[in-house]
Amino acid sequence: MQPNILFVIQEKLASLPKSEQKIGEAILKDPQKIIQMNATQLGKSANSSPAAIIRFCHSIGLKGFTELKLQLSAESKMIEEKLYTEILPDEEFEQMKKKLLLTTEHVLRETSKLLETAQVEEVTKAFNQSPIIYTYGLGASHLVALDIQQKYSRIGKHVMSTLDTHSLVASMSTAPKEAIFFGISNSGETKEVIQLMKAAQKFGLQTISLTELGDNSLKKLSTISLQTGISGEAPLRSAATSSLLTQLYAIDLLFYDFATKNYETILERLEKSKAGIQLLN
């Protein structure tokens, strides 16, 4: 399935040259109108040029303007219902459901493409060898760190997740060989996560990061870099919802890969942890 082209434009817009940004903005402003235009008309409307339109199409992964128009035509129903826009004041609930579903489907598909087999298997190998996993994230990313702790602790892995950075760095400073620090930040620029990643490097820990797609600081610091699809930012923070879902999806995939490679052992440990929890009932 092809990615939603309007979402792709939204994701890439800020990183494009100014001449191409004008074209993207004109398309997002009235995508239905663009279908009826030729390159010269769009160039004039966007105060740009036909040559810049071709460069813009290449920048968003298309062969040319004809392919752009075909994809916009294929998304005409979505465009007509304005499902690619952010949540609006007093918007109907059914409309909000459609928007969130469409955004989530798009970013999950993009995340699935980004999580390559070799990278995931490298993480699984590191987890198998590691005596302890330290994981940290702030805000919504903290929920993802807790999800790692919950999943892997139930199958016998020692995982430490805490918002107390002093306790975390103190424990990492005496960590055994092959210990892992797993830093989580959607932007890849969260100061605390970067500081902990640098500390983990200094202590000789293996380092893994989970960020949104892009050339961010946390990615550059980590030995293994995992990235999710771009969810963007918005006034009502619907992006935080999408980014959280994609991060949790990524962690689920990591866990399933780990589970398939340790199948019998994990089944036994899950049964034991389930029985242990039942003692509290």
C-alpha atoms as a PDB file:
ATOM      1  CA  MET A   1       0.000   0.000   0.000  1.00  0.00           C
ATOM      2  CA  GLN A   2       1.299   3.458  -0.934  1.00  0.00           C
ATOM      3  CA  PRO A   3       1.835   5.957   1.888  1.00  0.00           C
ATOM      4  CA  ASN A   4      -0.675   8.776   2.202  1.00  0.00           C
ATOM      5  CA  ILE A   5       0.936  11.496   0.086  1.00  0.00           C
ATOM      6  CA  LEU A   6      -0.505  14.425   2.070  1.00  0.00           C
ATOM      7  CA  PHE A   7       0.940  13.025   5.289  1.00  0.00           C
ATOM      8  CA  VAL A   8       4.273  12.525   3.524  1.00  0.00           C
ATOM      9  CA  ILE A   9       4.241  16.190   2.458  1.00  0.00           C
ATOM     10  CA  GLN A  10       3.429  17.301   6.015  1.00  0.00           C
ATOM     11  CA  GLU A  11       6.286  15.178   7.371  1.00  0.00           C
ATOM     12  CA  LYS A  12       8.902  16.412   4.914  1.00  0.00           C
ATOM     13  CA  LEU A  13       7.823  20.041   4.569  1.00  0.00           C
ATOM     14  CA  ALA A  14      10.111  21.588   7.196  1.00  0.00           C
ATOM     15  CA  SER A  15      13.227  19.899   5.760  1.00  0.00           C
ATOM     16  CA  LEU A  16      12.641  21.044   2.160  1.00  0.00           C
ATOM     17  CA  PRO A  17      14.305  24.048   0.460  1.00  0.00           C
ATOM     18  CA  LYS A  18      12.219  27.230   0.577  1.00  0.00           C
ATOM     19  CA  SER A  19      11.226  26.985  -3.094  1.00  0.00           C
ATOM     20  CA  GLU A  20       9.872  23.466  -2.525  1.00  0.00           C
ATOM     21  CA  GLN A  21       8.214  24.405   0.773  1.00  0.00           C
ATOM     22  CA  LYS A  22       6.061  26.919  -1.110  1.00  0.00           C
ATOM     23  CA  ILE A  23       4.840  24.130  -3.385  1.00  0.00           C
ATOM     24  CA  GLY A  24       4.084  21.811  -0.461  1.00  0.00           C
ATOM     25  CA  GLU A  25       2.180  24.564   1.338  1.00  0.00           C
ATOM     26  CA  ALA A  26       0.112  25.295  -1.784  1.00  0.00           C
ATOM     27  CA  ILE A  27      -0.776  21.606  -2.127  1.00  0.00           C
ATOM     28  CA  LEU A  28      -1.764  21.251   1.521  1.00  0.00           C
ATOM     29  CA  LYS A  29      -3.852  24.423   1.342  1.00  0.00           C
ATOM     30  CA  ASP A  30      -6.080  23.105  -1.445  1.00  0.00           C
ATOM     31  CA  PRO A  31      -5.116  19.597  -2.643  1.00  0.00           C
ATOM     32  CA  GLN A  32      -8.358  19.125  -4.581  1.00  0.00           C
ATOM     33  CA  LYS A  33      -7.567  22.145  -6.739  1.00  0.00           C
ATOM     34  CA  ILE A  34      -4.075  20.831  -7.568  1.00  0.00           C
ATOM     35  CA  ILE A  35      -5.552  17.792  -9.356  1.00  0.00           C
ATOM     36  CA  GLN A  36      -6.943  20.106 -12.049  1.00  0.00           C
ATOM     37  CA  MET A  37      -3.688  22.063 -12.530  1.00  0.00           C
ATOM     38  CA  ASN A  38      -0.649  21.593 -14.719  1.00  0.00           C
ATOM     39  CA  ALA A  39       2.905  22.229 -13.486  1.00  0.00           C
ATOM     40  CA  THR A  40       3.007  25.770 -14.846  1.00  0.00           C
ATOM     41  CA  GLN A  41      -0.240  26.703 -13.091  1.00  0.00           C
ATOM     42  CA  LEU A  42       0.916  25.230  -9.788  1.00  0.00           C
ATOM     43  CA  GLY A  43       4.260  27.007 -10.111  1.00  0.00           C
ATOM     44  CA  LYS A  44       2.484  30.330 -10.609  1.00  0.00           C
ATOM     45  CA  SER A  45       0.056  29.665  -7.734  1.00  0.00           C
ATOM     46  CA  ALA A  46       2.918  28.774  -5.395  1.00  0.00           C
ATOM     47  CA  ASN A  47       5.146  31.620  -6.597  1.00  0.00           C
ATOM     48  CA  SER A  48       7.646  29.000  -7.728  1.00  0.00           C
ATOM     49  CA  SER A  49       8.661  27.276 -10.979  1.00  0.00           C
ATOM     50  CA  PRO A  50       7.911  24.046 -12.889  1.00  0.00           C
ATOM     51  CA  ALA A  51      11.520  22.940 -12.281  1.00  0.00           C
ATOM     52  CA  ALA A  52      11.046  23.357  -8.511  1.00  0.00           C
ATOM     53  CA  ILE A  53       7.860  21.260  -8.754  1.00  0.00           C
ATOM     54  CA  ILE A  54       9.821  18.392 -10.301  1.00  0.00           C
ATOM     55  CA  ARG A  55      12.449  18.673  -7.551  1.00  0.00           C
ATOM     56  CA  PHE A  56       9.657  18.738  -4.954  1.00  0.00           C
ATOM     57  CA  CYS A  57       8.128  15.548  -6.361  1.00  0.00           C
ATOM     58  CA  HIS A  58      11.499  13.806  -6.214  1.00  0.00           C
ATOM     59  CA  SER A  59      11.996  15.045  -2.625  1.00  0.00           C
ATOM     60  CA  ILE A  60       8.768  13.347  -1.514  1.00  0.00           C
ATOM     61  CA  GLY A  61       9.610  10.117  -3.326  1.00  0.00           C
ATOM     62  CA  LEU A  62       7.614  10.548  -6.530  1.00  0.00           C
ATOM     63  CA  LYS A  63       8.759  10.356 -10.152  1.00  0.00           C
ATOM     64  CA  GLY A  64       7.043  13.542 -11.197  1.00  0.00           C
ATOM     65  CA  PHE A  65       3.996  15.822 -11.155  1.00  0.00           C
ATOM     66  CA  THR A  66       1.749  13.316 -12.948  1.00  0.00           C
ATOM     67  CA  GLU A  67       2.315  10.740 -10.215  1.00  0.00           C
ATOM     68  CA  LEU A  68       1.574  13.390  -7.573  1.00  0.00           C
ATOM     69  CA  LYS A  69      -1.767  14.173  -9.225  1.00  0.00           C
ATOM     70  CA  LEU A  70      -2.625  10.474  -9.478  1.00  0.00           C
ATOM     71  CA  GLN A  71      -1.977   9.944  -5.768  1.00  0.00           C
ATOM     72  CA  LEU A  72      -4.006  13.028  -4.861  1.00  0.00           C
ATOM     73  CA  SER A  73      -6.849  11.713  -7.023  1.00  0.00           C
ATOM     74  CA  ALA A  74      -6.679   8.361  -5.227  1.00  0.00           C
ATOM     75  CA  GLU A  75      -7.042  10.213  -1.918  1.00  0.00           C
ATOM     76  CA  SER A  76      -9.902  12.427  -3.092  1.00  0.00           C
ATOM     77  CA  LYS A  77     -12.388  11.045  -0.548  1.00  0.00           C
ATOM     78  CA  MET A  78      -9.981  11.741   2.300  1.00  0.00           C
ATOM     79  CA  ILE A  79      -9.321  15.218   0.882  1.00  0.00           C
ATOM     80  CA  GLU A  80     -13.037  15.938   0.511  1.00  0.00           C
ATOM     81  CA  GLU A  81     -13.626  15.030   4.172  1.00  0.00           C
ATOM     82  CA  LYS A  82     -10.472  16.975   5.237  1.00  0.00           C
ATOM     83  CA  LEU A  83      -9.177  13.960   7.151  1.00  0.00           C
ATOM     84  CA  TYR A  84      -5.556  15.063   6.731  1.00  0.00           C
ATOM     85  CA  THR A  85      -6.051  18.214   8.854  1.00  0.00           C
ATOM     86  CA  GLU A  86      -5.537  18.600  12.606  1.00  0.00           C
ATOM     87  CA  ILE A  87      -8.475  18.328  15.041  1.00  0.00           C
ATOM     88  CA  LEU A  88     -10.663  21.432  14.722  1.00  0.00           C
ATOM     89  CA  PRO A  89     -12.800  23.319  17.302  1.00  0.00           C
ATOM     90  CA  ASP A  90     -16.160  21.627  17.969  1.00  0.00           C
ATOM     91  CA  GLU A  91     -15.372  18.845  15.517  1.00  0.00           C
ATOM     92  CA  GLU A  92     -17.790  15.916  15.469  1.00  0.00           C
ATOM     93  CA  PHE A  93     -16.622  12.795  17.291  1.00  0.00           C
ATOM     94  CA  GLU A  94     -17.058  10.520  14.252  1.00  0.00           C
ATOM     95  CA  GLN A  95     -14.832  12.843  12.230  1.00  0.00           C
ATOM     96  CA  MET A  96     -12.163  12.789  14.949  1.00  0.00           C
ATOM     97  CA  LYS A  97     -12.244   8.980  14.959  1.00  0.00           C
ATOM     98  CA  LYS A  98     -11.627   8.907  11.209  1.00  0.00           C
ATOM     99  CA  LYS A  99      -8.737  11.351  11.471  1.00  0.00           C
ATOM    100  CA  LEU A 100      -6.981   9.546  14.297  1.00  0.00           C
ATOM    101  CA  LEU A 101      -7.451   6.156  12.628  1.00  0.00           C
ATOM    102  CA  LEU A 102      -6.028   7.425   9.352  1.00  0.00           C
ATOM    103  CA  THR A 103      -3.028   9.086  11.035  1.00  0.00           C
ATOM    104  CA  THR A 104      -2.307   6.021  13.150  1.00  0.00           C
ATOM    105  CA  GLU A 105      -2.505   3.634  10.188  1.00  0.00           C
ATOM    106  CA  HIS A 106      -0.091   5.800   8.213  1.00  0.00           C
ATOM    107  CA  VAL A 107       2.539   6.189  10.922  1.00  0.00           C
ATOM    108  CA  LEU A 108       2.389   2.492  11.880  1.00  0.00           C
ATOM    109  CA  ARG A 109       2.971   1.483   8.247  1.00  0.00           C
ATOM    110  CA  GLU A 110       5.936   3.840   8.038  1.00  0.00           C
ATOM    111  CA  THR A 111       7.331   2.480  11.320  1.00  0.00           C
ATOM    112  CA  SER A 112       6.989  -1.074  10.036  1.00  0.00           C
ATOM    113  CA  LYS A 113       9.109  -0.140   6.999  1.00  0.00           C
ATOM    114  CA  LEU A 114      11.783   1.500   9.155  1.00  0.00           C
ATOM    115  CA  LEU A 115      12.245  -1.400  11.596  1.00  0.00           C
ATOM    116  CA  GLU A 116      14.535  -3.591   9.539  1.00  0.00           C
ATOM    117  CA  THR A 117      15.082  -7.264  10.357  1.00  0.00           C
ATOM    118  CA  ALA A 118      18.835  -6.926  10.852  1.00  0.00           C
ATOM    119  CA  GLN A 119      18.438  -4.107  13.395  1.00  0.00           C
ATOM    120  CA  VAL A 120      15.746  -5.876  15.391  1.00  0.00           C
ATOM    121  CA  GLU A 121      17.746  -9.118  15.472  1.00  0.00           C
ATOM    122  CA  GLU A 122      20.773  -7.152  16.669  1.00  0.00           C
ATOM    123  CA  VAL A 123      18.709  -5.793  19.571  1.00  0.00           C
ATOM    124  CA  THR A 124      17.408  -9.296  20.376  1.00  0.00           C
ATOM    125  CA  LYS A 125      20.965 -10.648  20.440  1.00  0.00           C
ATOM    126  CA  ALA A 126      22.057  -7.833  22.759  1.00  0.00           C
ATOM    127  CA  PHE A 127      19.058  -8.448  25.058  1.00  0.00           C
ATOM    128  CA  ASN A 128      19.849 -12.162  25.187  1.00  0.00           C
ATOM    129  CA  GLN A 129      23.423 -11.480  26.267  1.00  0.00           C
ATOM    130  CA  SER A 130      22.704  -8.641  28.660  1.00  0.00           C
ATOM    131  CA  PRO A 131      22.430  -9.311  32.422  1.00  0.00           C
ATOM    132  CA  ILE A 132      20.496  -6.034  32.913  1.00  0.00           C
ATOM    133  CA  ILE A 133      18.665  -3.485  30.773  1.00  0.00           C
ATOM    134  CA  TYR A 134      18.459   0.148  31.886  1.00  0.00           C
ATOM    135  CA  THR A 135      15.762   2.141  30.104  1.00  0.00           C
ATOM    136  CA  TYR A 136      14.701   5.759  30.339  1.00  0.00           C
ATOM    137  CA  GLY A 137      12.237   8.156  28.737  1.00  0.00           C
ATOM    138  CA  LEU A 138      10.347  11.295  29.769  1.00  0.00           C
ATOM    139  CA  GLY A 139       6.662  12.128  29.318  1.00  0.00           C
ATOM    140  CA  ALA A 140       4.934   9.675  26.983  1.00  0.00           C
ATOM    141  CA  SER A 141       8.293   7.988  26.372  1.00  0.00           C
ATOM    142  CA  HIS A 142       8.418   7.043  30.060  1.00  0.00           C
ATOM    143  CA  LEU A 143       5.323   4.894  29.475  1.00  0.00           C
ATOM    144  CA  VAL A 144       7.278   3.084  26.753  1.00  0.00           C
ATOM    145  CA  ALA A 145      10.209   2.531  29.121  1.00  0.00           C
ATOM    146  CA  LEU A 146       7.773   1.072  31.671  1.00  0.00           C
ATOM    147  CA  ASP A 147       6.338  -1.186  28.963  1.00  0.00           C
ATOM    148  CA  ILE A 148       9.827  -2.565  28.314  1.00  0.00           C
ATOM    149  CA  GLN A 149      10.254  -3.184  32.027  1.00  0.00           C
ATOM    150  CA  GLN A 150       6.864  -4.884  32.345  1.00  0.00           C
ATOM    151  CA  LYS A 151       7.305  -7.144  29.310  1.00  0.00           C
ATOM    152  CA  TYR A 152      10.848  -8.330  29.904  1.00  0.00           C
ATOM    153  CA  SER A 153      10.647  -8.555  33.704  1.00  0.00           C
ATOM    154  CA  ARG A 154       7.840 -11.103  33.339  1.00  0.00           C
ATOM    155  CA  ILE A 155      10.158 -13.397  31.389  1.00  0.00           C
ATOM    156  CA  GLY A 156      13.052 -13.179  33.806  1.00  0.00           C
ATOM    157  CA  LYS A 157      15.080 -10.281  32.398  1.00  0.00           C
ATOM    158  CA  HIS A 158      16.409  -7.760  34.903  1.00  0.00           C
ATOM    159  CA  VAL A 159      15.155  -4.334  33.768  1.00  0.00           C
ATOM    160  CA  MET A 160      15.512  -1.010  35.594  1.00  0.00           C
ATOM    161  CA  SER A 161      13.276   1.907  34.628  1.00  0.00           C
ATOM    162  CA  THR A 162      12.978   4.988  36.815  1.00  0.00           C
ATOM    163  CA  LEU A 163      12.544   8.743  36.439  1.00  0.00           C
ATOM    164  CA  ASP A 164      15.230   9.214  39.112  1.00  0.00           C
ATOM    165  CA  THR A 165      18.230   9.942  36.881  1.00  0.00           C
ATOM    166  CA  HIS A 166      20.635   9.964  39.853  1.00  0.00           C
ATOM    167  CA  SER A 167      19.669   6.432  40.873  1.00  0.00           C
ATOM    168  CA  LEU A 168      19.838   5.281  37.268  1.00  0.00           C
ATOM    169  CA  VAL A 169      23.295   6.694  36.565  1.00  0.00           C
ATOM    170  CA  ALA A 170      24.612   5.421  39.917  1.00  0.00           C
ATOM    171  CA  SER A 171      23.474   1.903  39.066  1.00  0.00           C
ATOM    172  CA  MET A 172      24.862   2.134  35.523  1.00  0.00           C
ATOM    173  CA  SER A 173      28.252   3.172  36.844  1.00  0.00           C
ATOM    174  CA  THR A 174      28.704  -0.285  38.409  1.00  0.00           C
ATOM    175  CA  ALA A 175      26.840  -2.260  35.749  1.00  0.00           C
ATOM    176  CA  PRO A 176      28.216  -5.660  34.688  1.00  0.00           C
ATOM    177  CA  LYS A 177      29.693  -6.324  31.269  1.00  0.00           C
ATOM    178  CA  GLU A 178      27.229  -6.296  28.327  1.00  0.00           C
ATOM    179  CA  ALA A 179      24.642  -4.261  30.260  1.00  0.00           C
ATOM    180  CA  ILE A 180      22.367  -2.141  28.033  1.00  0.00           C
ATOM    181  CA  PHE A 181      21.080   1.403  28.198  1.00  0.00           C
ATOM    182  CA  PHE A 182      17.934   1.869  26.098  1.00  0.00           C
ATOM    183  CA  GLY A 183      17.131   5.577  25.623  1.00  0.00           C
ATOM    184  CA  ILE A 184      13.696   6.638  24.356  1.00  0.00           C
ATOM    185  CA  SER A 185      12.875  10.091  22.981  1.00  0.00           C
ATOM    186  CA  ASN A 186      10.509  10.836  20.114  1.00  0.00           C
ATOM    187  CA  SER A 187      12.447  13.971  19.116  1.00  0.00           C
ATOM    188  CA  GLY A 188      15.819  12.437  19.890  1.00  0.00           C
ATOM    189  CA  GLU A 189      16.757  15.700  21.592  1.00  0.00           C
ATOM    190  CA  THR A 190      15.500  15.247  25.162  1.00  0.00           C
ATOM    191  CA  LYS A 191      18.324  16.595  27.349  1.00  0.00           C
ATOM    192  CA  GLU A 192      18.027  14.039  30.142  1.00  0.00           C
ATOM    193  CA  VAL A 193      18.025  11.064  27.771  1.00  0.00           C
ATOM    194  CA  ILE A 194      21.071  12.405  25.943  1.00  0.00           C
ATOM    195  CA  GLN A 195      22.935  12.943  29.235  1.00  0.00           C
ATOM    196  CA  LEU A 196      22.190   9.379  30.310  1.00  0.00           C
ATOM    197  CA  MET A 197      23.240   8.028  26.919  1.00  0.00           C
ATOM    198  CA  LYS A 198      26.594   9.812  27.220  1.00  0.00           C
ATOM    199  CA  ALA A 199      27.027   8.458  30.748  1.00  0.00           C
ATOM    200  CA  ALA A 200      26.207   4.935  29.542  1.00  0.00           C
ATOM    201  CA  GLN A 201      28.881   5.244  26.856  1.00  0.00           C
ATOM    202  CA  LYS A 202      31.414   6.387  29.431  1.00  0.00           C
ATOM    203  CA  PHE A 203      30.614   3.368  31.611  1.00  0.00           C
ATOM    204  CA  GLY A 204      31.010   0.999  28.651  1.00  0.00           C
ATOM    205  CA  LEU A 205      27.341  -0.033  28.311  1.00  0.00           C
ATOM    206  CA  GLN A 206      25.794  -1.102  25.039  1.00  0.00           C
ATOM    207  CA  THR A 207      23.513   1.703  23.840  1.00  0.00           C
ATOM    208  CA  ILE A 208      20.186   1.496  21.986  1.00  0.00           C
ATOM    209  CA  SER A 209      17.886   4.367  21.051  1.00  0.00           C
ATOM    210  CA  LEU A 210      14.284   4.652  19.911  1.00  0.00           C
ATOM    211  CA  THR A 211      13.443   7.948  18.196  1.00  0.00           C
ATOM    212  CA  GLU A 212      11.351   9.374  15.417  1.00  0.00           C
ATOM    213  CA  LEU A 213      12.854   9.265  11.923  1.00  0.00           C
ATOM    214  CA  GLY A 214      15.535  11.928  11.488  1.00  0.00           C
ATOM    215  CA  ASP A 215      19.176  12.770  12.040  1.00  0.00           C
ATOM    216  CA  ASN A 216      18.864  13.543  15.755  1.00  0.00           C
ATOM    217  CA  SER A 217      21.395  13.670  18.612  1.00  0.00           C
ATOM    218  CA  LEU A 218      20.267  10.489  20.371  1.00  0.00           C
ATOM    219  CA  LYS A 219      20.504   8.457  17.174  1.00  0.00           C
ATOM    220  CA  LYS A 220      24.067   9.660  16.611  1.00  0.00           C
ATOM    221  CA  LEU A 221      25.111   8.658  20.134  1.00  0.00           C
ATOM    222  CA  SER A 222      23.654   5.138  20.157  1.00  0.00           C
ATOM    223  CA  THR A 223      25.264   1.938  18.913  1.00  0.00           C
ATOM    224  CA  ILE A 224      21.913   0.609  17.648  1.00  0.00           C
ATOM    225  CA  SER A 225      19.387   3.165  16.424  1.00  0.00           C
ATOM    226  CA  LEU A 226      15.714   2.236  15.995  1.00  0.00           C
ATOM    227  CA  GLN A 227      13.375   4.792  14.434  1.00  0.00           C
ATOM    228  CA  THR A 228       9.619   5.186  14.076  1.00  0.00           C
ATOM    229  CA  GLY A 229       7.555   7.004  11.451  1.00  0.00           C
ATOM    230  CA  ILE A 230       7.100  10.758  11.726  1.00  0.00           C
ATOM    231  CA  SER A 231       3.929  11.739  13.573  1.00  0.00           C
ATOM    232  CA  GLY A 232       4.469  15.510  13.552  1.00  0.00           C
ATOM    233  CA  GLU A 233       3.404  18.062  16.154  1.00  0.00           C
ATOM    234  CA  ALA A 234       0.049  19.698  16.688  1.00  0.00           C
ATOM    235  CA  PRO A 235      -1.647  22.193  19.039  1.00  0.00           C
ATOM    236  CA  LEU A 236      -3.846  19.509  20.642  1.00  0.00           C
ATOM    237  CA  ARG A 237      -0.943  17.025  20.882  1.00  0.00           C
ATOM    238  CA  SER A 238      -2.556  14.359  18.709  1.00  0.00           C
ATOM    239  CA  ALA A 239       1.029  13.729  17.588  1.00  0.00           C
ATOM    240  CA  ALA A 240       1.927  12.641  21.122  1.00  0.00           C
ATOM    241  CA  THR A 241      -0.825  10.045  20.787  1.00  0.00           C
ATOM    242  CA  SER A 242       0.491   8.795  17.453  1.00  0.00           C
ATOM    243  CA  SER A 243       4.131   8.800  18.541  1.00  0.00           C
ATOM    244  CA  LEU A 244       3.274   6.849  21.691  1.00  0.00           C
ATOM    245  CA  LEU A 245       1.401   4.236  19.667  1.00  0.00           C
ATOM    246  CA  THR A 246       4.304   3.843  17.235  1.00  0.00           C
ATOM    247  CA  GLN A 247       6.843   3.520  20.058  1.00  0.00           C
ATOM    248  CA  LEU A 248       4.729   0.848  21.744  1.00  0.00           C
ATOM    249  CA  TYR A 249       4.339  -0.916  18.395  1.00  0.00           C
ATOM    250  CA  ALA A 250       8.126  -0.935  18.005  1.00  0.00           C
ATOM    251  CA  ILE A 251       8.584  -2.397  21.495  1.00  0.00           C
ATOM    252  CA  ASP A 252       5.977  -5.080  20.743  1.00  0.00           C
ATOM    253  CA  LEU A 253       7.899  -6.097  17.628  1.00  0.00           C
ATOM    254  CA  LEU A 254      11.152  -6.275  19.592  1.00  0.00           C
ATOM    255  CA  PHE A 255       9.476  -8.422  22.223  1.00  0.00           C
ATOM    256  CA  TYR A 256       7.933 -10.792  19.678  1.00  0.00           C
ATOM    257  CA  ASP A 257      11.287 -11.250  17.975  1.00  0.00           C
ATOM    258  CA  PHE A 258      12.872 -11.991  21.346  1.00  0.00           C
ATOM    259  CA  ALA A 259      10.029 -14.399  22.162  1.00  0.00           C
ATOM    260  CA  THR A 260      10.294 -16.393  18.936  1.00  0.00           C
ATOM    261  CA  LYS A 261      14.007 -16.920  19.507  1.00  0.00           C
ATOM    262  CA  ASN A 262      13.489 -18.046  23.127  1.00  0.00           C
ATOM    263  CA  TYR A 263      10.071 -19.635  22.683  1.00  0.00           C
ATOM    264  CA  GLU A 264      10.028 -22.573  25.121  1.00  0.00           C
ATOM    265  CA  THR A 265      11.875 -20.715  27.859  1.00  0.00           C
ATOM    266  CA  ILE A 266       9.582 -17.703  27.621  1.00  0.00           C
ATOM    267  CA  LEU A 267       6.394 -19.815  27.675  1.00  0.00           C
ATOM    268  CA  GLU A 268       7.602 -21.456  30.870  1.00  0.00           C
ATOM    269  CA  ARG A 269       8.486 -18.126  32.487  1.00  0.00           C
ATOM    270  CA  LEU A 270       5.207 -16.500  31.469  1.00  0.00           C
ATOM    271  CA  GLU A 271       3.314 -19.370  33.079  1.00  0.00           C
ATOM    272  CA  LYS A 272       5.324 -18.914  36.264  1.00  0.00           C
ATOM    273  CA  SER A 273       4.764 -15.148  36.340  1.00  0.00           C
ATOM    274  CA  LYS A 274       1.039 -15.666  35.652  1.00  0.00           C
ATOM    275  CA  ALA A 275       0.830 -18.148  38.521  1.00  0.00           C
ATOM    276  CA  GLY A 276       2.685 -15.721  40.776  1.00  0.00           C
ATOM    277  CA  ILE A 277       0.218 -12.925  40.032  1.00  0.00           C
ATOM    278  CA  GLN A 278      -2.715 -15.245  40.735  1.00  0.00           C
ATOM    279  CA  LEU A 279      -1.427 -15.670  44.290  1.00  0.00           C
ATOM    280  CA  LEU A 280      -2.500 -12.071  44.896  1.00  0.00           C
ATOM    281  CA  ASN A 281      -6.103 -12.758  43.851  1.00  0.00           C
END
